[in-house]
Amino acid sequence: MRQFLISVTAIFTILLATPSYAADFGFSFDWGNIKTCTSGHPGRAPNPIFKLKNVPQGTAAIRFHMKDINVPTYHHGGGKAKYSGASTIAPGAFKYKSPCPPGGRHTYEWTATALDGKGKTLAVATARKKYP
């Protein structure tokens, strides 16, 4: 019985020390007014409009990163936005390489990482959308 209690205590300690990847934290995004591009040569653009939900308590910033699901090796970048409790991150918080699939339509995935004041990960969420 003592061994069982030690094991249960160890599991709870590990769970409390592990960042929360709970499904509660989430977001959606809208490309906004970025210039339509299908040449395969993206330009620098202001971030999309991010609508946040259930941001973890203690979040000081949210780091965003975009990946082209069809060409995952291409680095579109992202950026970090300070978080002050608002439910929207407006364009202009950072710049990234815009979506610009060569001659077609691709699916893009944004990853949002909620960070506390010391940079510790509190939660991670993803959202996907096609472009154009």
Protein backbone atom coordinates (compact mmCIF):
# COMPACT_ATOMS: atom_id res chain seq x y z
CA MET A 1 0.00 0.00 0.00
CA ARG A 2 2.83 2.39 0.86
CA GLN A 3 4.44 1.77 -2.55
CA PHE A 4 1.10 2.55 -4.24
CA LEU A 5 0.77 5.86 -2.34
CA ILE A 6 4.31 6.87 -3.31
CA SER A 7 3.54 6.06 -6.96
CA VAL A 8 0.29 8.06 -6.91
CA THR A 9 2.09 11.00 -5.27
CA ALA A 10 4.83 10.83 -7.90
CA ILE A 11 2.28 10.83 -10.73
CA PHE A 12 0.47 13.88 -9.34
CA THR A 13 3.79 15.69 -8.88
CA ILE A 14 4.72 15.02 -12.51
CA LEU A 15 1.29 16.12 -13.76
CA LEU A 16 1.43 19.37 -11.79
CA ALA A 17 4.91 20.15 -13.14
CA THR A 18 3.96 19.40 -16.76
CA PRO A 19 2.63 22.22 -19.01
CA SER A 20 -1.09 22.06 -19.65
CA TYR A 21 -1.99 21.09 -23.18
CA ALA A 22 -5.67 21.13 -22.30
CA ALA A 23 -8.21 21.31 -25.07
CA ASP A 24 -9.74 24.35 -23.34
CA PHE A 25 -7.14 26.81 -24.70
CA GLY A 26 -7.87 27.52 -28.33
CA PHE A 27 -8.09 30.12 -31.04
CA SER A 28 -9.32 30.76 -34.54
CA PHE A 29 -7.86 33.08 -37.14
CA ASP A 30 -8.83 35.13 -40.16
CA TRP A 31 -6.28 35.99 -42.83
CA GLY A 32 -7.50 39.60 -42.80
CA ASN A 33 -6.47 41.94 -45.58
CA ILE A 34 -3.29 40.24 -46.76
CA LYS A 35 -2.57 40.52 -50.46
CA THR A 36 -3.58 37.40 -52.44
CA CYS A 37 -0.48 35.44 -53.44
CA THR A 38 -0.09 32.18 -55.39
CA SER A 39 3.38 32.70 -56.89
CA GLY A 40 5.29 30.68 -54.30
CA HIS A 41 7.17 33.82 -53.21
CA PRO A 42 5.61 35.05 -49.95
CA GLY A 43 6.13 38.54 -48.65
CA ARG A 44 6.26 39.91 -45.12
CA ALA A 45 2.79 40.56 -43.77
CA PRO A 46 1.20 41.58 -40.49
CA ASN A 47 -0.15 38.67 -38.46
CA PRO A 48 -3.70 37.43 -39.04
CA ILE A 49 -6.51 38.31 -36.65
CA PHE A 50 -6.39 35.75 -33.83
CA LYS A 51 -9.51 35.20 -31.71
CA LEU A 52 -8.55 33.55 -28.43
CA LYS A 53 -10.57 31.44 -26.02
CA ASN A 54 -9.83 30.10 -22.55
CA VAL A 55 -6.35 31.59 -22.29
CA PRO A 56 -4.70 30.13 -19.19
CA GLN A 57 -4.45 32.29 -16.10
CA GLY A 58 -0.96 33.76 -15.76
CA THR A 59 -0.37 34.12 -19.52
CA ALA A 60 1.92 37.08 -20.23
CA ALA A 61 2.56 36.43 -23.93
CA ILE A 62 1.49 34.14 -26.73
CA ARG A 63 4.00 32.85 -29.29
CA PHE A 64 2.61 32.08 -32.75
CA HIS A 65 4.21 29.98 -35.49
CA MET A 66 2.82 29.10 -38.93
CA LYS A 67 3.48 25.93 -40.93
CA ASP A 68 2.39 25.04 -44.45
CA ILE A 69 0.96 21.53 -44.04
CA ASN A 70 1.59 20.81 -47.75
CA VAL A 71 5.25 21.96 -47.53
CA PRO A 72 6.16 21.59 -43.84
CA THR A 73 9.87 22.29 -44.42
CA TYR A 74 9.20 25.87 -45.56
CA HIS A 75 9.74 28.29 -42.68
CA HIS A 76 7.00 30.97 -42.56
CA GLY A 77 7.98 32.16 -39.11
CA GLY A 78 5.73 33.82 -36.63
CA GLY A 79 6.15 36.01 -33.60
CA LYS A 80 5.23 36.77 -30.04
CA ALA A 81 2.44 39.04 -28.84
CA LYS A 82 2.08 40.41 -25.32
CA TYR A 83 -1.13 39.21 -23.71
CA SER A 84 -3.16 41.63 -21.59
CA GLY A 85 -6.45 39.75 -21.27
CA ALA A 86 -8.02 40.73 -24.61
CA SER A 87 -9.79 38.05 -26.63
CA THR A 88 -8.27 39.22 -29.93
CA ILE A 89 -4.71 39.68 -31.19
CA ALA A 90 -5.02 42.27 -33.96
CA PRO A 91 -2.79 42.52 -37.05
CA GLY A 92 0.46 44.35 -36.38
CA ALA A 93 1.59 42.42 -33.29
CA PHE A 94 4.31 40.79 -35.45
CA LYS A 95 5.21 40.07 -39.09
CA TYR A 96 5.69 36.71 -40.79
CA LYS A 97 6.07 35.28 -44.32
CA SER A 98 2.53 35.26 -45.68
CA PRO A 99 0.90 32.21 -47.23
CA CYS A 100 1.67 32.01 -50.94
CA PRO A 101 1.17 28.52 -52.34
CA PRO A 102 2.61 28.07 -55.83
CA GLY A 103 -0.30 27.70 -58.23
CA GLY A 104 -2.77 26.14 -55.85
CA ARG A 105 -4.37 25.97 -52.46
CA HIS A 106 -2.55 24.85 -49.32
CA THR A 107 -3.55 24.23 -45.72
CA TYR A 108 -1.74 26.30 -43.12
CA GLU A 109 -1.49 25.60 -39.42
CA TRP A 110 -0.84 28.17 -36.72
CA THR A 111 0.42 27.00 -33.35
CA ALA A 112 -0.16 29.27 -30.35
CA THR A 113 1.86 28.76 -27.18
CA ALA A 114 0.69 30.55 -24.03
CA LEU A 115 3.69 31.64 -21.95
CA ASP A 116 3.93 32.93 -18.40
CA GLY A 117 6.10 35.91 -17.41
CA LYS A 118 9.23 33.73 -17.21
CA GLY A 119 8.64 32.12 -20.62
CA LYS A 120 7.29 28.81 -19.27
CA THR A 121 4.75 27.08 -21.52
CA LEU A 122 1.27 27.05 -19.98
CA ALA A 123 -0.71 25.62 -22.91
CA VAL A 124 -0.49 24.95 -26.65
CA ALA A 125 -3.24 25.09 -29.29
CA THR A 126 -3.39 24.79 -33.08
CA ALA A 127 -5.77 25.97 -35.79
CA ARG A 128 -5.78 25.23 -39.54
CA LYS A 129 -7.19 27.01 -42.55
CA LYS A 130 -6.81 26.82 -46.33
CA TYR A 131 -5.39 29.65 -48.42
CA PRO A 132 -6.43 31.16 -50.75
